[in-house]
Protein backbone atom coordinates (compact mmCIF):
# COMPACT_ATOMS: atom_id res chain seq x y z
CA UNK A 1 73.16 -39.29 35.47
CA UNK A 2 71.69 -40.62 32.29
CA UNK A 3 73.92 -39.57 29.24
CA UNK A 4 71.73 -37.01 26.56
CA UNK A 5 73.29 -38.56 23.73
CA UNK A 6 72.24 -42.47 25.01
CA UNK A 7 70.42 -44.39 22.89
CA UNK A 8 68.08 -47.21 24.68
CA UNK A 9 67.76 -49.67 22.05
CA UNK A 10 64.95 -52.17 22.34
CA UNK A 11 64.88 -55.94 21.30
CA UNK A 12 62.82 -56.67 18.94
CA UNK A 13 60.04 -59.09 20.07
CA UNK A 14 58.60 -61.27 17.80
CA UNK A 15 56.67 -63.73 20.01
CA UNK A 16 54.60 -61.63 21.94
CA UNK A 17 51.49 -63.43 23.54
CA UNK A 18 51.24 -65.98 21.06
CA UNK A 19 49.00 -68.40 21.18
CA UNK A 20 48.59 -67.20 24.68
CA UNK A 21 47.18 -64.08 24.83
CA UNK A 22 45.99 -62.97 28.64
CA UNK A 23 42.10 -62.83 29.39
CA UNK A 24 41.81 -58.83 29.21
CA UNK A 25 38.83 -59.22 31.54
CA UNK A 26 37.17 -56.09 29.83
CA UNK A 27 34.12 -54.54 31.96
CA UNK A 28 30.86 -56.48 31.96
CA UNK A 29 32.48 -59.27 30.05
CA UNK A 30 32.99 -57.23 26.74
CA UNK A 31 34.28 -59.24 23.80
CA UNK A 32 35.74 -55.86 22.28
CA UNK A 33 37.28 -52.70 23.75
CA UNK A 34 36.55 -50.16 21.14
CA UNK A 35 39.06 -47.11 21.25
CA UNK A 36 38.18 -44.14 19.18
CA UNK A 37 41.35 -41.54 18.56
CA UNK A 38 40.75 -38.07 16.93
CA UNK A 39 44.36 -37.00 15.84
CA UNK A 40 44.21 -33.23 16.45
CA UNK A 41 46.82 -31.95 14.31
CA UNK A 42 45.72 -29.03 13.17
CA UNK A 43 48.13 -25.68 13.33
CA UNK A 44 50.82 -27.39 14.46
CA UNK A 45 52.23 -29.16 11.31
CA UNK A 46 55.38 -27.91 9.32
CA UNK A 47 54.47 -24.63 7.83
CA UNK A 48 56.58 -21.55 6.30
CA UNK A 49 54.36 -18.72 8.06
CA UNK A 50 56.22 -20.70 11.30
CA UNK A 51 59.23 -20.17 9.95
CA UNK A 52 59.83 -24.01 9.08
CA UNK A 53 62.68 -24.47 6.15
CA UNK A 54 59.44 -26.57 4.85
CA UNK A 55 55.53 -26.83 4.28
CA UNK A 56 53.81 -29.85 5.34
CA UNK A 57 53.29 -32.45 2.51
CA UNK A 58 51.11 -35.14 3.47
CA UNK A 59 47.32 -36.58 5.12
CA UNK A 60 45.22 -33.68 3.41
CA UNK A 61 42.81 -33.93 0.79
CA UNK A 62 45.03 -33.31 -2.18
CA UNK A 63 48.98 -34.01 -2.11
CA UNK A 64 51.67 -30.84 -1.22
CA UNK A 65 54.60 -30.03 -2.90
CA UNK A 66 53.23 -27.77 -5.82
CA UNK A 67 53.92 -24.31 -4.10
CA UNK A 68 57.57 -23.46 -4.97
CA UNK A 69 59.87 -23.88 -1.69
CA UNK A 70 60.11 -21.19 0.84
CA UNK A 71 56.36 -19.86 -0.30
CA UNK A 72 53.71 -20.65 2.03
CA UNK A 73 51.27 -22.96 0.27
CA UNK A 74 47.74 -21.27 0.56
CA UNK A 75 45.35 -24.07 0.05
CA UNK A 76 47.06 -26.62 1.85
CA UNK A 77 46.88 -24.31 4.88
CA UNK A 78 43.17 -24.27 4.32
CA UNK A 79 43.15 -28.04 3.83
CA UNK A 80 43.93 -28.49 7.31
CA UNK A 81 41.91 -25.67 8.73
CA UNK A 82 39.13 -27.42 7.78
CA UNK A 83 39.96 -29.68 10.62
CA UNK A 84 39.80 -27.51 13.18
CA UNK A 85 36.86 -25.20 11.54
CA UNK A 86 34.57 -27.72 10.59
CA UNK A 87 35.76 -31.27 11.27
CA UNK A 88 36.35 -31.82 14.63
CA UNK A 89 32.59 -30.50 15.36
CA UNK A 90 31.44 -32.86 13.09
CA UNK A 91 33.31 -35.68 14.82
CA UNK A 92 31.90 -34.62 18.29
CA UNK A 93 28.50 -34.70 17.20
CA UNK A 94 28.79 -37.96 15.83
CA UNK A 95 30.19 -39.21 18.94
CA UNK A 96 28.06 -37.38 21.06
CA UNK A 97 25.04 -38.44 19.81
CA UNK A 98 25.74 -41.85 20.21
CA UNK A 99 27.02 -41.67 23.49
CA UNK A 100 30.90 -42.65 22.71
CA UNK A 101 33.91 -41.29 24.24
CA UNK A 102 37.23 -41.06 22.57
CA UNK A 103 40.94 -40.07 22.77
CA UNK A 104 42.67 -36.68 21.63
CA UNK A 105 45.84 -37.46 20.35
CA UNK A 106 46.59 -33.72 20.74
CA UNK A 107 49.30 -31.58 19.30
CA UNK A 108 50.52 -29.30 22.15
CA UNK A 109 50.48 -26.04 19.97
CA UNK A 110 46.99 -27.54 17.83
CA UNK A 111 45.35 -27.32 21.08
CA UNK A 112 46.98 -23.97 22.06
CA UNK A 113 45.65 -22.49 19.05
CA UNK A 114 42.57 -23.26 19.49
CA UNK A 115 40.62 -22.85 22.61
CA UNK A 116 37.41 -23.89 21.69
CA UNK A 117 38.11 -27.13 20.89
CA UNK A 118 40.29 -27.80 24.22
CA UNK A 119 37.06 -26.70 26.14
CA UNK A 120 35.24 -29.12 24.08
CA UNK A 121 37.75 -31.69 24.22
CA UNK A 122 37.30 -31.19 28.35
CA UNK A 123 33.72 -31.06 28.44
CA UNK A 124 32.75 -34.18 26.15
CA UNK A 125 35.29 -35.69 29.26
CA UNK A 126 37.56 -36.81 26.16
CA UNK A 127 41.63 -37.79 27.57
CA UNK A 128 44.10 -36.13 25.63
CA UNK A 129 47.30 -38.25 24.80
CA UNK A 130 50.47 -35.97 23.90
CA UNK A 131 50.51 -36.41 20.35
CA UNK A 132 54.27 -33.84 20.73
CA UNK A 133 54.77 -30.40 20.62
CA UNK A 134 54.04 -29.98 17.29
CA UNK A 135 53.10 -32.61 14.48
CA UNK A 136 56.81 -33.36 14.31
CA UNK A 137 59.01 -36.17 13.72
CA UNK A 138 61.22 -36.89 16.63
CA UNK A 139 63.28 -39.27 14.77
CA UNK A 140 64.76 -36.47 13.17
CA UNK A 141 66.19 -35.06 16.62
CA UNK A 142 69.02 -35.49 18.65
CA UNK A 143 67.99 -37.30 22.20
CA UNK A 144 68.56 -33.60 23.84
CA UNK A 145 65.83 -31.93 21.71
CA UNK A 146 63.42 -34.91 21.63
CA UNK A 147 63.89 -34.41 25.43
CA UNK A 148 63.68 -30.19 25.12
CA UNK A 149 59.97 -31.31 23.23
CA UNK A 150 58.65 -33.80 25.05
CA UNK A 151 58.91 -30.67 28.36
CA UNK A 152 57.87 -27.67 26.29
CA UNK A 153 54.76 -30.03 24.99
CA UNK A 154 54.11 -31.39 28.75
CA UNK A 155 53.51 -27.79 29.75
CA UNK A 156 51.52 -26.36 27.16
CA UNK A 157 48.83 -29.41 27.44
CA UNK A 158 48.89 -28.72 31.42
CA UNK A 159 48.32 -25.19 30.98
CA UNK A 160 45.53 -25.52 28.10
CA UNK A 161 43.96 -28.57 29.57
CA UNK A 162 44.41 -28.20 33.22
CA UNK A 163 46.01 -31.32 33.79
CA UNK A 164 49.26 -33.33 32.13
CA UNK A 165 48.79 -35.81 29.54
CA UNK A 166 49.73 -39.48 30.75
CA UNK A 167 49.71 -41.06 27.64
CA UNK A 168 52.07 -40.73 24.32
CA UNK A 169 52.08 -41.00 21.10
CA UNK A 170 54.65 -39.52 18.22
CA UNK A 171 53.85 -38.68 14.49
CA UNK A 172 54.32 -41.41 12.62
CA UNK A 173 57.11 -43.38 14.48
CA UNK A 174 59.17 -43.02 17.85
CA UNK A 175 62.50 -42.20 17.71
CA UNK A 176 65.44 -44.91 19.34
CA UNK A 177 65.17 -42.73 22.12
CA UNK A 178 61.76 -41.84 22.67
CA UNK A 179 60.40 -44.57 25.07
CA UNK A 180 63.70 -44.07 27.33
CA UNK A 181 63.26 -40.58 27.61
CA UNK A 182 59.47 -41.20 28.49
CA UNK A 183 60.48 -43.65 31.56
CA UNK A 184 63.09 -40.69 32.62
CA UNK A 185 60.11 -37.87 32.90
CA UNK A 186 58.20 -39.99 34.95
CA UNK A 187 54.75 -38.89 34.59
CA UNK A 188 53.56 -41.06 31.91
CA UNK A 189 51.46 -44.12 32.36
CA UNK A 190 51.65 -45.22 28.72
CA UNK A 191 52.58 -44.94 25.22
CA UNK A 192 51.25 -45.83 21.86
CA UNK A 193 54.21 -46.04 19.83
CA UNK A 194 53.44 -49.27 18.42
CA UNK A 195 51.28 -50.87 15.94
CA UNK A 196 52.20 -54.87 17.05
CA UNK A 197 49.38 -56.16 19.23
CA UNK A 198 45.77 -55.98 20.09
CA UNK A 199 46.53 -56.00 23.40
CA UNK A 200 48.21 -53.53 25.97
CA UNK A 201 51.76 -55.27 27.00
CA UNK A 202 54.48 -54.06 29.12
CA UNK A 203 58.43 -53.37 28.53
CA UNK A 204 61.18 -53.08 30.78
CA UNK A 205 62.92 -49.78 30.32
CA UNK A 206 66.01 -49.60 31.97
CA UNK A 207 65.35 -51.38 34.42
CA UNK A 208 61.65 -50.06 34.96
CA UNK A 209 58.50 -51.48 34.01
CA UNK A 210 56.45 -49.21 31.11
CA UNK A 211 52.98 -49.77 29.83
CA UNK A 212 52.82 -50.15 25.98
CA UNK A 213 48.74 -49.43 24.42
CA UNK A 214 49.29 -50.08 20.78
CA UNK A 215 47.62 -48.21 18.06
CA UNK A 216 46.12 -49.33 14.33
CA UNK A 217 47.53 -48.12 10.86
CA UNK A 218 45.24 -50.01 9.33
CA UNK A 219 41.43 -49.28 10.80
CA UNK A 220 42.77 -45.82 10.58
CA UNK A 221 41.29 -42.76 7.81
CA UNK A 222 45.04 -41.70 7.51
CA UNK A 223 44.67 -44.18 4.40
CA UNK A 224 42.79 -42.27 2.20
CA UNK A 225 45.64 -39.81 1.93
CA UNK A 226 47.21 -43.06 0.18
CA UNK A 227 46.98 -44.87 -3.45
CA UNK A 228 46.74 -48.04 -2.10
CA UNK A 229 44.40 -47.48 0.63
CA UNK A 230 40.50 -46.58 1.51
CA UNK A 231 38.95 -44.97 -1.78
CA UNK A 232 35.23 -44.34 -0.68
CA UNK A 233 33.96 -43.92 2.30
CA UNK A 234 32.33 -47.23 2.32
CA UNK A 235 35.46 -48.85 2.05
CA UNK A 236 36.59 -47.35 5.82
CA UNK A 237 33.00 -48.58 6.43
CA UNK A 238 33.33 -51.84 5.46
CA UNK A 239 36.40 -52.00 6.33
CA UNK A 240 35.39 -50.88 10.32
CA UNK A 241 32.41 -53.55 9.95
CA UNK A 242 34.34 -56.23 8.99
CA UNK A 243 37.40 -55.80 11.85
CA UNK A 244 34.72 -55.38 14.57
CA UNK A 245 32.69 -58.27 13.53
CA UNK A 246 35.76 -60.50 13.39
CA UNK A 247 36.86 -59.17 16.71
CA UNK A 248 33.80 -60.12 18.45
CA UNK A 249 33.44 -63.21 17.37
CA UNK A 250 36.70 -64.31 18.74
CA UNK A 251 36.12 -62.43 22.26
CA UNK A 252 33.91 -64.79 22.91
CA UNK A 253 37.09 -66.99 23.71
CA UNK A 254 39.69 -63.80 23.11
CA UNK A 255 38.51 -60.55 23.95
CA UNK A 256 40.93 -57.67 21.75
CA UNK A 257 40.93 -54.10 22.08
CA UNK A 258 40.06 -52.39 18.36
CA UNK A 259 41.35 -48.99 17.87
CA UNK A 260 40.50 -46.70 15.40
CA UNK A 261 42.13 -43.53 14.12
CA UNK A 262 40.75 -40.16 12.72
CA UNK A 263 41.67 -36.87 11.95
CA UNK A 264 39.38 -34.12 11.56
CA UNK A 265 40.11 -32.86 8.21
CA UNK A 266 39.64 -36.09 6.96
CA UNK A 267 36.70 -37.57 8.62
CA UNK A 268 35.31 -34.89 9.62
CA UNK A 269 34.01 -34.25 5.80
CA UNK A 270 30.37 -35.34 4.95
CA UNK A 271 30.57 -38.39 3.57
CA UNK A 272 33.11 -39.76 5.89
CA UNK A 273 31.53 -38.91 8.78
CA UNK A 274 28.47 -40.52 7.49
CA UNK A 275 30.76 -44.32 7.20
CA UNK A 276 31.92 -43.39 10.48
CA UNK A 277 28.25 -43.00 12.13
CA UNK A 278 27.09 -46.18 10.14
CA UNK A 279 30.26 -47.76 11.93
CA UNK A 280 29.49 -46.66 15.07
CA UNK A 281 25.30 -47.61 14.75
CA UNK A 282 26.59 -50.84 13.75
CA UNK A 283 28.75 -51.52 16.88
CA UNK A 284 25.79 -49.84 19.31
CA UNK A 285 23.84 -52.81 17.62
CA UNK A 286 26.15 -55.80 19.53
CA UNK A 287 25.94 -55.54 23.83
CA UNK A 288 29.73 -57.16 24.72
CA UNK A 289 31.08 -54.13 23.87
CA UNK A 290 33.52 -51.91 25.91
CA UNK A 291 33.44 -48.58 24.05
CA UNK A 292 35.94 -46.50 25.93
CA UNK A 293 39.23 -44.22 26.19
CA UNK A 294 42.96 -44.90 26.04
CA UNK A 295 43.38 -44.02 29.19
CA UNK A 296 40.58 -46.29 30.68
CA UNK A 297 42.69 -49.03 28.86
CA UNK A 298 45.81 -48.50 30.47
CA UNK A 299 44.02 -48.16 33.88
CA UNK A 300 42.48 -51.18 33.22
CA UNK A 301 45.56 -53.25 32.43
CA UNK A 302 47.73 -51.91 35.39
CA UNK A 303 44.85 -53.30 37.69
CA UNK A 304 44.02 -56.24 35.51
CA UNK A 305 47.30 -57.11 34.66
CA UNK A 306 50.11 -55.24 36.95
CA UNK A 307 53.44 -55.59 35.38
CA UNK A 308 55.05 -59.13 36.17
CA UNK A 309 51.74 -61.25 36.50
């Protein structure tokens, strides 16, 4: 039996595919696979009302930390509630009008607390990649604590959505134990806890193959909450368009994956949703594009590039 305190420490790979990436062979000879992610976290963030020792401080319209410790930050709570009450529905409308699928990085407790959102996700045909039991940092946990939270998350999402999650993505970053625990659990097809490539790739964990579908921090609306990030919706729109245009040009010979990270409380705001709509309209003007879910990318890679090939 695996020692619960044991850490799986992967060797760092600075080379990857280098100058010889595999042919992605996306459907219909697509030059770019565009994958939209909605991070649904509202209601699962740190909060004194839930008995947490701290209140969430980040990734909202204004920085937290103004309210004395131990008290609820009512203003900050309401900024998060905007995402579940309004923002999610606006994003859904933008995507639905353009026939664009998406993956939801869903925190289990957030989905539990908003069955209307969970139902809409299922109706839209979006897949849910587990974003943890709550929006919490697993690198602060012991291996045993992380294993327990993972089991809670899987059981919760299975109840809420009707099927278990096949993908995993931590808040900000994995712990040294996360990937080993995912492989140990045995039901995950992939994880997205990496930002180091534009194509999926295989790793070995305890002598078992495991697929990684990398995510992004650059084409991500979280940069609106960073002093050095996006200042206006036009910054976001132009950055997404420039990223897509470059990948589309390169994709004639080297097709890749473009991930776009969204949060309902951020891009769900009117001006930013308009920027997202303009980006998607730009993408729709190009023929050789695969608009897909993250589970589609993982399944495609399993078929076209199985481990060891």
